[in-house]
N, C-alpha and C. Protein backbone atom coordinates (compact mmCIF):
# COMPACT_ATOMS: atom_id res chain seq x y z
N CYS A 1 0.81 -1.32 -0.07
CA CYS A 1 -0.17 -0.16 -0.08
C CYS A 1 0.81 1.12 -0.05
N LEU A 2 0.77 2.15 -0.46
CA LEU A 2 1.36 3.08 -0.97
C LEU A 2 0.45 4.57 -0.99
N GLY A 3 1.35 5.02 0.52
CA GLY A 3 0.53 6.31 1.12
C GLY A 3 -0.61 6.34 2.11
N GLU A 4 -1.78 6.68 2.71
CA GLU A 4 -2.35 6.47 3.49
C GLU A 4 -3.66 7.32 3.20
N THR A 5 -3.37 8.84 2.72
CA THR A 5 -5.04 9.35 1.95
C THR A 5 -4.98 9.47 0.44
N THR A 6 -5.86 10.20 0.48
CA THR A 6 -6.24 10.85 -1.15
C THR A 6 -4.83 11.65 -1.56
N ALA A 7 -4.44 12.64 -0.22
CA ALA A 7 -3.10 13.56 -0.34
C ALA A 7 -2.28 12.49 -0.64
N ASP A 8 -2.24 11.71 -0.29
CA ASP A 8 -0.51 10.69 -1.17
C ASP A 8 -0.91 10.93 -3.19
N VAL A 9 -2.18 10.95 -3.36
CA VAL A 9 -2.35 10.35 -4.80
C VAL A 9 -1.62 11.36 -5.92
N PRO A 10 -0.76 11.35 -6.54
CA PRO A 10 -0.07 12.40 -7.74
C PRO A 10 -1.01 12.84 -8.37
N GLN A 11 -0.90 14.00 -8.32
CA GLN A 11 -1.83 15.02 -9.26
C GLN A 11 -1.59 14.17 -10.38
N GLN A 12 -3.49 14.13 -11.02
CA GLN A 12 -3.90 13.82 -11.57
C GLN A 12 -3.93 14.79 -13.15
N ARG A 13 -4.03 13.21 -14.32
CA ARG A 13 -4.12 14.49 -15.92
C ARG A 13 -5.51 14.21 -16.14
N VAL A 14 -5.91 15.06 -16.81
CA VAL A 14 -7.60 14.45 -17.54
C VAL A 14 -6.98 15.39 -19.41
N MET A 15 -7.20 13.70 -20.28
CA MET A 15 -7.16 13.95 -21.01
C MET A 15 -9.35 14.21 -21.88
N PHE A 16 -9.18 15.58 -22.38
CA PHE A 16 -10.22 14.69 -23.47
C PHE A 16 -10.35 15.40 -24.45
N LEU A 17 -11.52 14.35 -24.70
CA LEU A 17 -11.59 13.94 -26.06
C LEU A 17 -10.62 13.24 -26.81
N PRO A 18 -9.94 12.45 -26.26
CA PRO A 18 -8.71 11.60 -26.61
C PRO A 18 -9.04 10.43 -28.10
N THR A 19 -7.95 10.37 -28.60
CA THR A 19 -8.27 8.83 -29.29
C THR A 19 -7.72 8.06 -28.91
N ILE A 20 -8.27 6.86 -29.37
CA ILE A 20 -7.87 5.41 -28.72
C ILE A 20 -7.79 4.40 -29.90
N LYS A 21 -6.02 4.00 -28.97
CA LYS A 21 -5.85 2.84 -30.40
C LYS A 21 -5.59 1.75 -29.29
N VAL A 22 -6.03 0.66 -30.04
CA VAL A 22 -6.00 -0.68 -29.20
C VAL A 22 -5.20 -1.54 -30.40
N ASP A 23 -4.36 -2.02 -29.37
CA ASP A 23 -3.18 -2.62 -29.63
C ASP A 23 -3.68 -4.17 -31.01
N GLY A 24 -2.93 -4.01 -31.67
CA GLY A 24 -3.49 -5.15 -32.87
C GLY A 24 -4.69 -4.89 -33.54
N GLN A 25 -5.01 -3.76 -33.66
CA GLN A 25 -6.33 -3.36 -34.27
C GLN A 25 -6.04 -1.73 -34.84
N PRO A 26 -6.26 -1.63 -36.35
CA PRO A 26 -6.04 -0.11 -36.95
C PRO A 26 -6.51 0.46 -37.18
N GLY A 27 -5.83 1.52 -37.13
CA GLY A 27 -6.63 2.71 -36.91
C GLY A 27 -7.30 3.46 -35.11
N ALA A 28 -7.74 4.55 -35.06
CA ALA A 28 -8.63 4.80 -34.17
C ALA A 28 -9.91 4.22 -33.76
N GLN A 29 -10.03 3.66 -32.38
CA GLN A 29 -11.44 2.81 -32.14
C GLN A 29 -12.28 3.89 -32.10
N PRO A 30 -13.53 3.91 -32.68
CA PRO A 30 -14.76 5.19 -31.97
C PRO A 30 -15.10 4.64 -30.68
N ALA A 31 -14.55 5.79 -30.40
CA ALA A 31 -15.39 6.19 -27.86
C ALA A 31 -15.65 6.96 -27.77
N ASN A 32 -16.71 7.11 -27.53
CA ASN A 32 -17.69 8.33 -26.78
C ASN A 32 -18.43 7.53 -26.08
N ASP A 33 -19.04 8.91 -25.28
CA ASP A 33 -20.20 8.64 -23.58
C ASP A 33 -19.80 7.95 -23.24
N ASN A 34 -18.60 8.59 -22.58
CA ASN A 34 -17.74 7.93 -21.20
C ASN A 34 -16.42 8.86 -20.61
N MET A 35 -16.33 8.06 -19.70
CA MET A 35 -15.56 8.75 -18.63
C MET A 35 -14.61 8.10 -17.65
N ALA A 36 -13.05 7.71 -17.99
CA ALA A 36 -12.41 6.75 -17.61
C ALA A 36 -11.87 7.34 -16.63
N TYR A 37 -10.65 6.29 -15.44
CA TYR A 37 -9.11 6.17 -15.44
C TYR A 37 -8.90 5.16 -15.94
N PHE A 38 -7.68 5.88 -16.42
CA PHE A 38 -7.02 4.95 -17.53
C PHE A 38 -5.70 5.23 -16.64
N PRO A 39 -5.53 4.17 -15.94
CA PRO A 39 -4.10 3.45 -15.58
C PRO A 39 -2.60 3.80 -16.13
N GLU A 40 -3.08 3.47 -17.18
CA GLU A 40 -1.50 2.63 -17.96
C GLU A 40 -0.77 4.55 -18.36
N ALA A 41 -1.78 5.64 -18.64
CA ALA A 41 -1.08 7.00 -18.98
C ALA A 41 -1.55 7.51 -16.98
N ASN A 42 -2.10 7.07 -15.89
CA ASN A 42 -2.45 7.71 -14.95
C ASN A 42 -3.09 9.10 -15.07
N ALA A 43 -4.23 8.94 -15.73
CA ALA A 43 -4.86 10.70 -16.50
C ALA A 43 -6.82 10.07 -16.76
N PHE A 44 -6.54 10.50 -16.29
CA PHE A 44 -8.80 10.61 -17.23
C PHE A 44 -8.83 10.65 -17.98
N ILE A 45 -9.93 9.94 -18.61
CA ILE A 45 -10.15 10.58 -20.12
C ILE A 45 -11.82 10.85 -20.29
N VAL A 46 -11.65 11.96 -20.90
CA VAL A 46 -12.85 12.40 -21.31
C VAL A 46 -14.11 11.91 -22.87
N LEU A 47 -14.64 11.54 -22.84
CA LEU A 47 -14.86 11.15 -24.43
C LEU A 47 -15.92 11.79 -24.95
N ALA A 48 -16.38 12.44 -26.41
CA ALA A 48 -17.45 13.22 -26.95
C ALA A 48 -18.47 12.36 -26.22
N GLU A 49 -19.53 13.32 -26.11
CA GLU A 49 -21.05 13.11 -25.32
C GLU A 49 -21.71 12.99 -27.03
N VAL A 50 -22.09 11.93 -27.50
CA VAL A 50 -22.70 11.94 -28.47
C VAL A 50 -24.36 11.87 -28.38
N GLN A 51 -24.48 10.36 -27.27
CA GLN A 51 -25.61 10.15 -26.48
C GLN A 51 -26.50 10.77 -25.44
N PHE A 52 -25.67 11.07 -24.37
CA PHE A 52 -25.93 12.01 -22.81
C PHE A 52 -25.65 12.72 -22.89
N ASN A 53 -26.84 13.42 -22.60
CA ASN A 53 -27.29 15.12 -23.00
C ASN A 53 -28.05 16.06 -21.89
N GLU A 54 -27.27 15.24 -20.93
CA GLU A 54 -27.86 15.77 -19.42
C GLU A 54 -26.64 16.40 -19.09
N ILE A 55 -26.49 16.64 -18.02
CA ILE A 55 -25.35 17.67 -17.32
C ILE A 55 -24.32 16.45 -17.39
N PRO A 56 -23.04 17.51 -18.15
CA PRO A 56 -21.70 16.48 -19.03
C PRO A 56 -21.41 15.86 -17.75
N LEU A 57 -20.84 14.34 -17.89
CA LEU A 57 -19.95 13.39 -17.33
C LEU A 57 -18.77 13.76 -16.51
N ALA A 58 -18.08 14.61 -17.09
CA ALA A 58 -17.27 15.56 -16.47
C ALA A 58 -17.69 16.87 -15.94
N ALA A 59 -18.75 16.89 -14.92
CA ALA A 59 -19.04 18.05 -14.49
C ALA A 59 -20.39 17.62 -13.21
N ASN A 60 -20.07 16.25 -13.37
CA ASN A 60 -21.18 15.31 -12.15
C ASN A 60 -20.51 15.01 -11.07
N HIS A 61 -20.73 15.87 -10.30
CA HIS A 61 -19.54 15.44 -9.06
C HIS A 61 -19.42 14.16 -8.46
N GLY A 62 -20.69 13.10 -8.52
CA GLY A 62 -20.16 12.05 -8.79
C GLY A 62 -19.74 11.00 -9.34
N ILE A 63 -19.76 11.11 -10.91
CA ILE A 63 -19.19 10.31 -11.70
C ILE A 63 -17.22 10.98 -11.60
N VAL A 64 -17.34 12.11 -11.27
CA VAL A 64 -16.25 12.38 -11.10
C VAL A 64 -15.16 11.58 -10.00
N ALA A 65 -15.98 11.85 -8.78
CA ALA A 65 -15.65 11.10 -7.93
C ALA A 65 -15.33 9.37 -7.48
N HIS A 66 -16.76 8.85 -8.40
CA HIS A 66 -16.22 7.38 -8.94
C HIS A 66 -14.90 7.51 -9.53
N GLU A 67 -14.49 8.34 -10.42
CA GLU A 67 -13.30 7.36 -11.33
C GLU A 67 -11.83 8.27 -10.54
N TYR A 68 -12.23 9.42 -9.53
CA TYR A 68 -11.32 9.79 -8.81
C TYR A 68 -10.48 8.44 -7.73
N SER A 69 -11.45 7.45 -7.04
CA SER A 69 -11.83 6.50 -6.97
C SER A 69 -11.55 5.11 -7.16
N HIS A 70 -11.55 5.22 -8.36
CA HIS A 70 -10.82 4.34 -9.16
C HIS A 70 -9.01 4.40 -9.36
N ALA A 71 -8.55 5.39 -9.33
CA ALA A 71 -7.33 6.03 -9.39
C ALA A 71 -6.64 5.89 -7.88
N VAL A 72 -7.37 6.51 -6.85
CA VAL A 72 -6.74 6.35 -5.17
C VAL A 72 -6.32 4.84 -5.32
N LEU A 73 -7.66 4.09 -5.21
CA LEU A 73 -7.14 2.53 -5.43
C LEU A 73 -6.12 1.79 -6.39
N HIS A 74 -5.86 2.04 -7.53
CA HIS A 74 -4.98 1.77 -8.21
C HIS A 74 -3.39 2.08 -7.43
N HIS A 75 -3.28 3.47 -7.23
CA HIS A 75 -2.59 3.78 -5.96
C HIS A 75 -1.87 3.21 -5.05
N MET A 76 -2.66 2.80 -4.53
CA MET A 76 -2.77 1.95 -3.29
C MET A 76 -2.05 0.55 -3.38
N THR A 77 -2.73 -0.45 -4.55
CA THR A 77 -2.30 -1.13 -4.58
C THR A 77 -1.35 -1.92 -5.71
N VAL A 78 -0.61 -1.02 -6.07
CA VAL A 78 0.09 -1.16 -7.44
C VAL A 78 1.51 -1.44 -6.66
N ASP A 79 2.66 -2.03 -7.04
CA ASP A 79 3.97 -1.81 -6.51
C ASP A 79 4.78 -1.36 -6.36
N ALA A 80 5.96 -1.16 -6.09
CA ALA A 80 6.73 0.12 -6.86
C ALA A 80 7.02 -0.21 -7.74
N GLY A 81 7.29 -1.11 -8.84
CA GLY A 81 7.17 -1.40 -10.14
C GLY A 81 5.84 -1.00 -10.85
N GLY A 82 4.80 -0.48 -9.93
CA GLY A 82 3.67 -0.13 -11.06
C GLY A 82 2.79 -1.34 -11.14
N ARG A 83 3.26 -2.80 -11.02
CA ARG A 83 2.64 -3.88 -11.58
C ARG A 83 1.07 -3.93 -9.97
N THR A 84 -0.10 -3.90 -11.36
CA THR A 84 -1.52 -3.48 -10.34
C THR A 84 -1.65 -5.72 -9.51
N PRO A 85 -2.52 -5.37 -8.99
CA PRO A 85 -2.75 -6.58 -7.74
C PRO A 85 -2.14 -8.32 -8.70
N ASP A 86 -3.20 -8.11 -10.18
CA ASP A 86 -3.16 -9.65 -10.67
C ASP A 86 -1.85 -10.20 -11.17
N GLU A 87 -1.39 -8.66 -11.65
CA GLU A 87 0.20 -9.32 -12.08
C GLU A 87 1.27 -9.78 -10.95
N GLN A 88 1.25 -9.04 -9.58
CA GLN A 88 2.08 -9.09 -9.17
C GLN A 88 1.33 -10.86 -8.10
N PHE A 89 -0.02 -11.15 -8.51
CA PHE A 89 0.01 -12.12 -7.16
C PHE A 89 -0.84 -13.84 -8.55
N GLY A 90 -0.91 -13.28 -9.60
CA GLY A 90 -0.88 -14.54 -10.63
C GLY A 90 -1.69 -14.64 -10.31
N TRP A 91 -2.72 -13.66 -10.69
CA TRP A 91 -4.41 -14.20 -10.36
C TRP A 91 -5.08 -15.24 -11.65
N ASP A 92 -5.85 -15.61 -11.13
CA ASP A 92 -6.86 -16.41 -12.08
C ASP A 92 -7.88 -15.60 -13.21
N ALA A 93 -8.26 -15.52 -14.12
CA ALA A 93 -9.65 -15.09 -14.66
C ALA A 93 -10.43 -14.72 -13.45
N GLU A 94 -11.04 -15.54 -12.47
CA GLU A 94 -12.27 -15.33 -12.00
C GLU A 94 -11.77 -14.18 -10.08
N SER A 95 -10.37 -14.31 -10.10
CA SER A 95 -9.87 -13.35 -9.33
C SER A 95 -10.38 -12.54 -10.02
N SER A 96 -9.76 -11.66 -11.63
CA SER A 96 -9.24 -10.97 -11.94
C SER A 96 -10.33 -10.38 -11.70
N ASN A 97 -12.06 -11.01 -12.23
CA ASN A 97 -13.05 -10.15 -12.52
C ASN A 97 -13.41 -9.99 -10.95
N PHE A 98 -13.71 -10.74 -9.95
CA PHE A 98 -14.16 -9.85 -8.67
C PHE A 98 -13.16 -9.28 -8.18
N TRP A 99 -12.18 -8.90 -8.82
CA TRP A 99 -11.66 -7.16 -8.36
C TRP A 99 -12.13 -6.66 -9.18
N LEU A 100 -12.30 -6.39 -10.80
CA LEU A 100 -13.27 -5.57 -11.38
C LEU A 100 -14.64 -5.47 -10.47
N SER A 101 -15.02 -6.06 -9.92
CA SER A 101 -16.50 -6.17 -9.52
C SER A 101 -16.18 -5.20 -8.18
N LEU A 102 -15.53 -5.73 -7.25
CA LEU A 102 -15.32 -4.47 -6.56
C LEU A 102 -14.34 -3.26 -6.51
N ASN A 103 -13.51 -3.48 -7.35
CA ASN A 103 -13.31 -1.82 -8.06
C ASN A 103 -14.52 -1.10 -8.75
N GLU A 104 -14.98 -1.58 -9.32
CA GLU A 104 -16.36 -0.35 -9.94
C GLU A 104 -17.36 -0.33 -8.55
N GLY A 105 -17.38 -1.37 -7.60
CA GLY A 105 -18.26 -1.70 -6.59
C GLY A 105 -18.29 -0.15 -5.74
N LEU A 106 -16.82 -0.18 -5.08
CA LEU A 106 -16.03 1.45 -4.44
C LEU A 106 -16.11 2.21 -5.10
N ALA A 107 -16.02 2.23 -6.05
CA ALA A 107 -16.39 3.74 -6.94
C ALA A 107 -17.24 4.24 -6.69
N ASP A 108 -18.49 3.75 -6.81
CA ASP A 108 -19.86 3.71 -6.84
C ASP A 108 -19.73 4.21 -5.36
N VAL A 109 -19.99 3.67 -4.41
CA VAL A 109 -19.73 4.11 -2.91
C VAL A 109 -19.40 5.09 -2.44
N HIS A 110 -18.17 5.48 -3.38
CA HIS A 110 -17.34 6.78 -3.25
C HIS A 110 -18.45 7.99 -3.82
N GLY A 111 -18.70 7.74 -4.90
CA GLY A 111 -19.87 8.72 -5.94
C GLY A 111 -21.25 8.79 -4.95
N ALA A 112 -21.71 7.68 -4.58
CA ALA A 112 -23.08 7.82 -3.41
C ALA A 112 -22.33 9.05 -2.28
N GLY A 113 -21.24 8.78 -1.71
CA GLY A 113 -20.64 9.21 -0.66
C GLY A 113 -20.77 10.90 -1.18
N LEU A 114 -19.73 11.15 -2.12
CA LEU A 114 -19.11 12.23 -1.81
C LEU A 114 -21.06 13.04 -2.61
N THR A 115 -21.94 12.46 -3.17
CA THR A 115 -22.73 13.76 -3.42
C THR A 115 -24.47 13.47 -2.55
N GLY A 116 -24.04 12.24 -2.16
CA GLY A 116 -25.51 11.89 -0.88
C GLY A 116 -26.49 11.20 -1.56
N ASP A 117 -26.40 10.90 -3.31
CA ASP A 117 -27.54 10.45 -4.22
C ASP A 117 -27.07 9.06 -4.31
N ALA A 118 -27.72 8.28 -4.02
CA ALA A 118 -27.56 6.62 -4.47
C ALA A 118 -27.94 6.78 -5.89
N ASN A 119 -28.72 7.17 -6.37
CA ASN A 119 -28.43 7.07 -8.38
C ASN A 119 -27.78 8.25 -8.75
N PHE A 120 -26.45 9.02 -8.68
CA PHE A 120 -25.96 9.82 -8.85
C PHE A 120 -25.30 10.09 -10.82
N MET A 121 -25.95 8.37 -11.09
CA MET A 121 -25.48 8.57 -12.75
C MET A 121 -26.97 9.45 -13.40
N ALA A 122 -27.23 9.64 -12.54
CA ALA A 122 -29.16 9.82 -13.34
C ALA A 122 -29.43 11.14 -14.13
N ALA A 123 -28.27 12.06 -13.13
CA ALA A 123 -28.25 13.42 -13.53
C ALA A 123 -28.11 13.61 -14.66
N SER A 124 -26.54 12.97 -15.56
CA SER A 124 -26.39 12.87 -16.46
C SER A 124 -26.92 11.79 -17.52
N VAL A 125 -27.72 10.56 -17.26
CA VAL A 125 -27.94 9.69 -17.78
C VAL A 125 -29.17 9.42 -18.39
N THR A 126 -30.30 10.37 -18.30
CA THR A 126 -31.47 10.24 -18.34
C THR A 126 -32.07 8.83 -18.13
N GLY A 127 -32.64 7.39 -17.46
CA GLY A 127 -33.41 6.77 -17.99
C GLY A 127 -32.28 5.38 -18.00
N GLN A 128 -31.61 5.79 -17.59
CA GLN A 128 -30.19 4.62 -17.81
C GLN A 128 -29.68 4.91 -16.80
N PHE A 129 -29.36 3.02 -16.56
CA PHE A 129 -28.21 2.87 -15.22
C PHE A 129 -29.53 2.67 -14.13
N GLY A 130 -30.42 1.88 -14.21
CA GLY A 130 -31.38 2.16 -12.83
C GLY A 130 -30.61 0.83 -12.30
N ASP A 131 -30.45 0.03 -12.69
CA ASP A 131 -29.46 -1.26 -11.54
C ASP A 131 -28.64 -0.42 -11.34
N ARG A 132 -27.49 0.50 -11.16
CA ARG A 132 -26.87 0.86 -10.47
C ARG A 132 -27.63 1.95 -9.40
N ASP A 133 -29.01 2.18 -9.05
CA ASP A 133 -29.19 2.87 -7.81
C ASP A 133 -28.69 2.09 -6.67
N LEU A 134 -27.99 2.35 -6.19
CA LEU A 134 -28.17 1.91 -4.62
C LEU A 134 -28.85 1.98 -3.43
N SER A 135 -29.63 2.15 -3.54
CA SER A 135 -31.44 2.48 -3.19
C SER A 135 -32.06 1.60 -3.39
N ASN A 136 -31.85 1.09 -4.79
CA ASN A 136 -32.51 -0.85 -4.81
C ASN A 136 -32.04 -1.72 -4.40
N ALA A 137 -33.12 -2.42 -4.20
CA ALA A 137 -32.59 -4.04 -3.81
C ALA A 137 -31.24 -4.90 -5.20
N HIS A 138 -30.32 -4.65 -4.51
CA HIS A 138 -28.84 -5.68 -5.13
C HIS A 138 -28.94 -6.95 -4.02
N VAL A 139 -28.79 -8.44 -4.93
CA VAL A 139 -28.83 -9.22 -4.12
C VAL A 139 -28.08 -10.14 -4.61
N LEU A 140 -27.32 -10.52 -3.96
CA LEU A 140 -26.35 -11.72 -4.00
C LEU A 140 -26.54 -12.84 -4.89
N THR A 141 -26.59 -13.47 -5.30
CA THR A 141 -26.79 -14.34 -6.50
C THR A 141 -25.91 -15.63 -6.27
N ASP A 142 -26.20 -16.81 -6.83
CA ASP A 142 -25.28 -17.49 -7.19
C ASP A 142 -25.10 -17.44 -9.39
N SER A 143 -26.38 -16.84 -9.65
CA SER A 143 -25.46 -16.75 -11.52
C SER A 143 -24.62 -15.33 -10.82
N LEU A 144 -24.44 -14.32 -10.06
CA LEU A 144 -23.54 -13.63 -10.91
C LEU A 144 -22.19 -13.71 -10.12
N LEU A 145 -22.22 -14.41 -9.07
CA LEU A 145 -20.49 -15.37 -9.09
C LEU A 145 -19.99 -16.92 -10.03
N PHE A 146 -21.30 -17.07 -10.58
CA PHE A 146 -21.14 -17.66 -11.98
C PHE A 146 -20.54 -16.97 -13.18
N ASP A 147 -21.15 -16.28 -13.59
CA ASP A 147 -20.62 -14.70 -13.93
C ASP A 147 -19.19 -14.44 -14.17
N ALA A 148 -18.76 -14.41 -12.74
CA ALA A 148 -17.48 -13.87 -12.71
C ALA A 148 -16.37 -14.83 -12.46
N ARG A 149 -16.71 -16.45 -12.76
CA ARG A 149 -15.96 -17.17 -13.04
C ARG A 149 -15.61 -17.23 -14.46
N SER A 150 -16.40 -16.52 -15.32
CA SER A 150 -16.05 -16.44 -16.47
C SER A 150 -15.58 -15.78 -17.07
N SER A 151 -14.32 -15.11 -18.08
CA SER A 151 -13.27 -14.63 -18.22
C SER A 151 -13.86 -13.66 -19.43
N PHE A 152 -14.96 -14.25 -20.05
CA PHE A 152 -15.36 -14.11 -21.68
C PHE A 152 -16.62 -13.09 -21.46
N SER A 153 -16.54 -11.81 -22.25
CA SER A 153 -17.24 -10.34 -21.86
C SER A 153 -17.66 -9.46 -20.26
N TYR A 154 -16.85 -10.41 -19.13
CA TYR A 154 -17.36 -10.13 -17.93
C TYR A 154 -17.85 -8.55 -17.98
N ASP A 155 -19.01 -8.58 -17.09
CA ASP A 155 -19.57 -7.57 -16.82
C ASP A 155 -19.32 -6.65 -15.55
N PRO A 156 -18.94 -6.14 -14.75
CA PRO A 156 -18.43 -6.21 -13.50
C PRO A 156 -19.74 -5.25 -12.57
N TYR A 157 -19.90 -4.32 -13.14
CA TYR A 157 -21.23 -3.81 -12.51
C TYR A 157 -21.96 -4.53 -11.92
N PRO A 158 -22.75 -5.35 -12.37
CA PRO A 158 -24.05 -5.80 -11.46
C PRO A 158 -23.40 -6.52 -10.03
N LEU A 159 -22.35 -7.26 -9.88
CA LEU A 159 -21.94 -7.70 -8.99
C LEU A 159 -21.48 -6.49 -7.57
N GLY A 160 -20.81 -5.42 -8.63
CA GLY A 160 -20.10 -4.44 -7.98
C GLY A 160 -21.53 -3.53 -7.63
N SER A 161 -22.37 -3.38 -7.67
CA SER A 161 -23.60 -2.80 -7.05
C SER A 161 -24.07 -3.80 -6.40
N VAL A 162 -23.66 -4.78 -6.06
CA VAL A 162 -24.07 -5.85 -4.64
C VAL A 162 -23.13 -5.25 -3.32
N LEU A 163 -22.07 -4.62 -3.99
CA LEU A 163 -21.18 -4.38 -2.94
C LEU A 163 -21.80 -2.86 -2.34
N ALA A 164 -21.84 -2.46 -3.12
CA ALA A 164 -21.74 -0.66 -3.32
C ALA A 164 -23.20 -0.48 -2.29
N ALA A 165 -24.40 -1.53 -3.04
CA ALA A 165 -25.94 -1.08 -2.54
C ALA A 165 -25.50 -1.32 -1.31
N THR A 166 -24.60 -2.48 -0.29
CA THR A 166 -24.72 -2.83 0.71
C THR A 166 -23.74 -2.11 1.74
N PHE A 167 -23.01 -0.94 1.36
CA PHE A 167 -22.44 -0.28 1.77
C PHE A 167 -23.08 0.97 2.29
N TRP A 168 -24.54 1.38 1.09
CA TRP A 168 -25.62 2.39 1.06
C TRP A 168 -26.26 2.17 2.30
N SER A 169 -26.69 0.72 2.60
CA SER A 169 -27.89 0.14 3.29
C SER A 169 -27.08 0.27 4.68
N TYR A 170 -25.90 0.17 5.11
CA TYR A 170 -25.19 0.76 6.01
C TYR A 170 -25.24 2.50 6.16
N ARG A 171 -24.91 2.95 5.42
CA ARG A 171 -25.66 4.43 5.61
C ARG A 171 -27.00 4.45 5.81
N ASP A 172 -28.06 3.81 5.09
CA ASP A 172 -29.49 3.80 5.74
C ASP A 172 -29.51 3.95 7.34
N GLU A 173 -28.78 2.27 7.84
CA GLU A 173 -29.35 2.18 9.14
C GLU A 173 -28.68 3.01 10.05
N LEU A 174 -27.21 3.89 9.93
CA LEU A 174 -27.06 4.55 10.29
C LEU A 174 -28.30 5.90 10.81
N VAL A 175 -28.36 6.09 9.59
CA VAL A 175 -29.06 6.91 9.73
C VAL A 175 -30.65 7.31 10.52
N ALA A 176 -31.24 5.74 10.60
CA ALA A 176 -32.36 5.26 11.26
C ALA A 176 -31.99 5.15 12.54
N LEU A 177 -30.05 4.61 12.91
CA LEU A 177 -30.10 5.12 14.64
C LEU A 177 -30.18 6.53 14.79
N GLY A 178 -30.10 7.67 13.83
CA GLY A 178 -30.56 9.14 14.52
C GLY A 178 -28.85 9.55 14.33
N MET A 179 -28.41 9.34 13.32
CA MET A 179 -27.35 9.98 12.42
C MET A 179 -27.69 10.46 11.72
N SER A 180 -26.81 11.89 11.15
CA SER A 180 -27.10 12.80 10.33
C SER A 180 -27.27 12.13 9.13
N ALA A 181 -27.03 12.49 8.08
CA ALA A 181 -26.96 12.16 6.79
C ALA A 181 -26.36 12.30 5.96
N ASP A 182 -25.76 13.27 6.75
CA ASP A 182 -24.35 13.45 6.40
C ASP A 182 -22.56 12.82 6.48
N GLU A 183 -23.38 13.07 7.65
CA GLU A 183 -22.12 12.35 8.43
C GLU A 183 -22.27 10.52 8.23
N ALA A 184 -23.66 9.61 8.21
CA ALA A 184 -23.83 8.34 7.52
C ALA A 184 -23.00 8.19 6.55
N ARG A 185 -23.43 8.76 5.74
CA ARG A 185 -22.64 9.05 4.42
C ARG A 185 -20.95 9.06 4.65
N SER A 186 -20.49 10.20 5.26
CA SER A 186 -19.36 9.93 5.14
C SER A 186 -18.42 9.00 5.65
N ARG A 187 -19.32 8.43 6.60
CA ARG A 187 -18.97 6.93 7.57
C ARG A 187 -19.32 6.07 6.91
N MET A 188 -19.87 5.68 5.88
CA MET A 188 -19.60 4.85 4.79
C MET A 188 -18.73 5.61 3.85
N ALA A 189 -18.32 5.85 3.49
CA ALA A 189 -17.17 6.30 2.29
C ALA A 189 -16.25 5.78 3.42
N ARG A 190 -15.53 6.20 3.60
CA ARG A 190 -14.54 5.77 5.64
C ARG A 190 -14.28 4.75 5.27
N SER A 191 -15.76 3.81 5.94
CA SER A 191 -15.69 2.33 6.12
C SER A 191 -15.11 1.57 5.14
N ALA A 192 -15.58 2.52 3.54
CA ALA A 192 -15.00 1.59 2.67
C ALA A 192 -13.59 1.39 2.19
N PHE A 193 -13.46 2.76 2.62
CA PHE A 193 -11.52 2.85 2.18
C PHE A 193 -10.75 2.18 2.87
N ASP A 194 -11.53 2.49 4.64
CA ASP A 194 -10.29 1.74 5.78
C ASP A 194 -10.66 -0.37 4.95
N ALA A 195 -11.91 -0.48 4.37
CA ALA A 195 -12.09 -2.17 4.26
C ALA A 195 -10.91 -2.12 3.31
N ALA A 196 -10.98 -1.61 2.33
CA ALA A 196 -10.18 -1.50 1.32
C ALA A 196 -8.68 -0.93 1.55
N ARG A 197 -8.32 -0.84 1.69
CA ARG A 197 -6.52 -0.76 2.32
C ARG A 197 -6.30 -1.83 2.96
N SER A 198 -6.79 -2.11 3.96
CA SER A 198 -6.86 -3.69 5.05
C SER A 198 -7.31 -5.01 3.87
N LEU A 199 -7.82 -4.84 3.44
CA LEU A 199 -7.86 -6.00 2.13
C LEU A 199 -6.14 -6.59 1.88
N ASP A 200 -6.26 -8.43 1.79
CA ASP A 200 -5.28 -8.91 1.78
C ASP A 200 -5.42 -9.67 0.32
N LEU A 201 -4.78 -8.67 -0.45
CA LEU A 201 -4.87 -9.40 -1.78
C LEU A 201 -4.13 -10.49 -2.52
N SER A 202 -2.83 -11.01 -1.33
CA SER A 202 -1.48 -11.75 -1.61
C SER A 202 -2.01 -13.04 -2.23
N ALA A 203 -3.06 -13.25 -2.56
CA ALA A 203 -2.96 -14.79 -2.95
C ALA A 203 -4.41 -15.40 -4.01
N GLN A 204 -3.50 -16.31 -4.87
CA GLN A 204 -4.53 -16.37 -6.01
C GLN A 204 -6.46 -16.70 -5.63
N GLY A 205 -7.19 -16.48 -6.12
CA GLY A 205 -8.23 -17.24 -5.38
C GLY A 205 -9.30 -16.19 -4.87
N PHE A 206 -8.53 -14.76 -5.42
CA PHE A 206 -9.19 -13.54 -4.49
C PHE A 206 -10.96 -13.99 -4.66
N HIS A 207 -11.90 -13.43 -3.71
CA HIS A 207 -13.06 -13.65 -3.89
C HIS A 207 -13.96 -12.43 -3.59
N ILE A 208 -14.59 -12.12 -4.08
CA ILE A 208 -15.62 -11.22 -3.00
C ILE A 208 -16.29 -11.04 -1.78
N ALA A 209 -16.46 -12.73 -1.59
CA ALA A 209 -16.52 -12.94 -0.29
C ALA A 209 -15.82 -13.03 0.90
N ASP A 210 -14.35 -12.74 0.85
CA ASP A 210 -12.93 -11.95 1.46
C ASP A 210 -13.42 -11.04 1.81
N TYR A 211 -14.07 -9.60 0.99
CA TYR A 211 -14.26 -8.63 1.14
C TYR A 211 -15.03 -8.49 2.12
């Protein structure tokens, strides 16, 4: 683990409307309607918005916090040589898929934590991503675990949403016990960050239940 707080993360760059080139494929690849942390360049990329015409992704505080969370977790878990956990410990596809879901789930926790909005993405993408609303029921099922055991076109968001919704329900319980909404979401986000910092990733066979 490198550093203890977000202040230890190096200043990040932002690349607006970058050209995406995929190894082994000729020419630039069409890419739009997305914002992402790009660890290979240690930068955020902001792609052209074609379909999404609400609040721009880069102006949505929840989405910015989501992507910044990816940068923080990357910084926390790479080694001195810049190797990610799967490279350090030789993870199989299943472990790598669980890690992707954990990464997306934690990022949604911090997006919701910053904004206080369980469905922060909806401000930018009306009518879509309802399945990312953390106030909805997200249940861990055998089907979600089975999907993670396949390395083919894995979608990390459904399992990640289970994790994120679990943290949001923790926030709800704190509010029900009398804590203010602001303090409850702050406590939720701190708990997620502390849990990620103390997670042991050193063995192959990393499983979402280890979290």
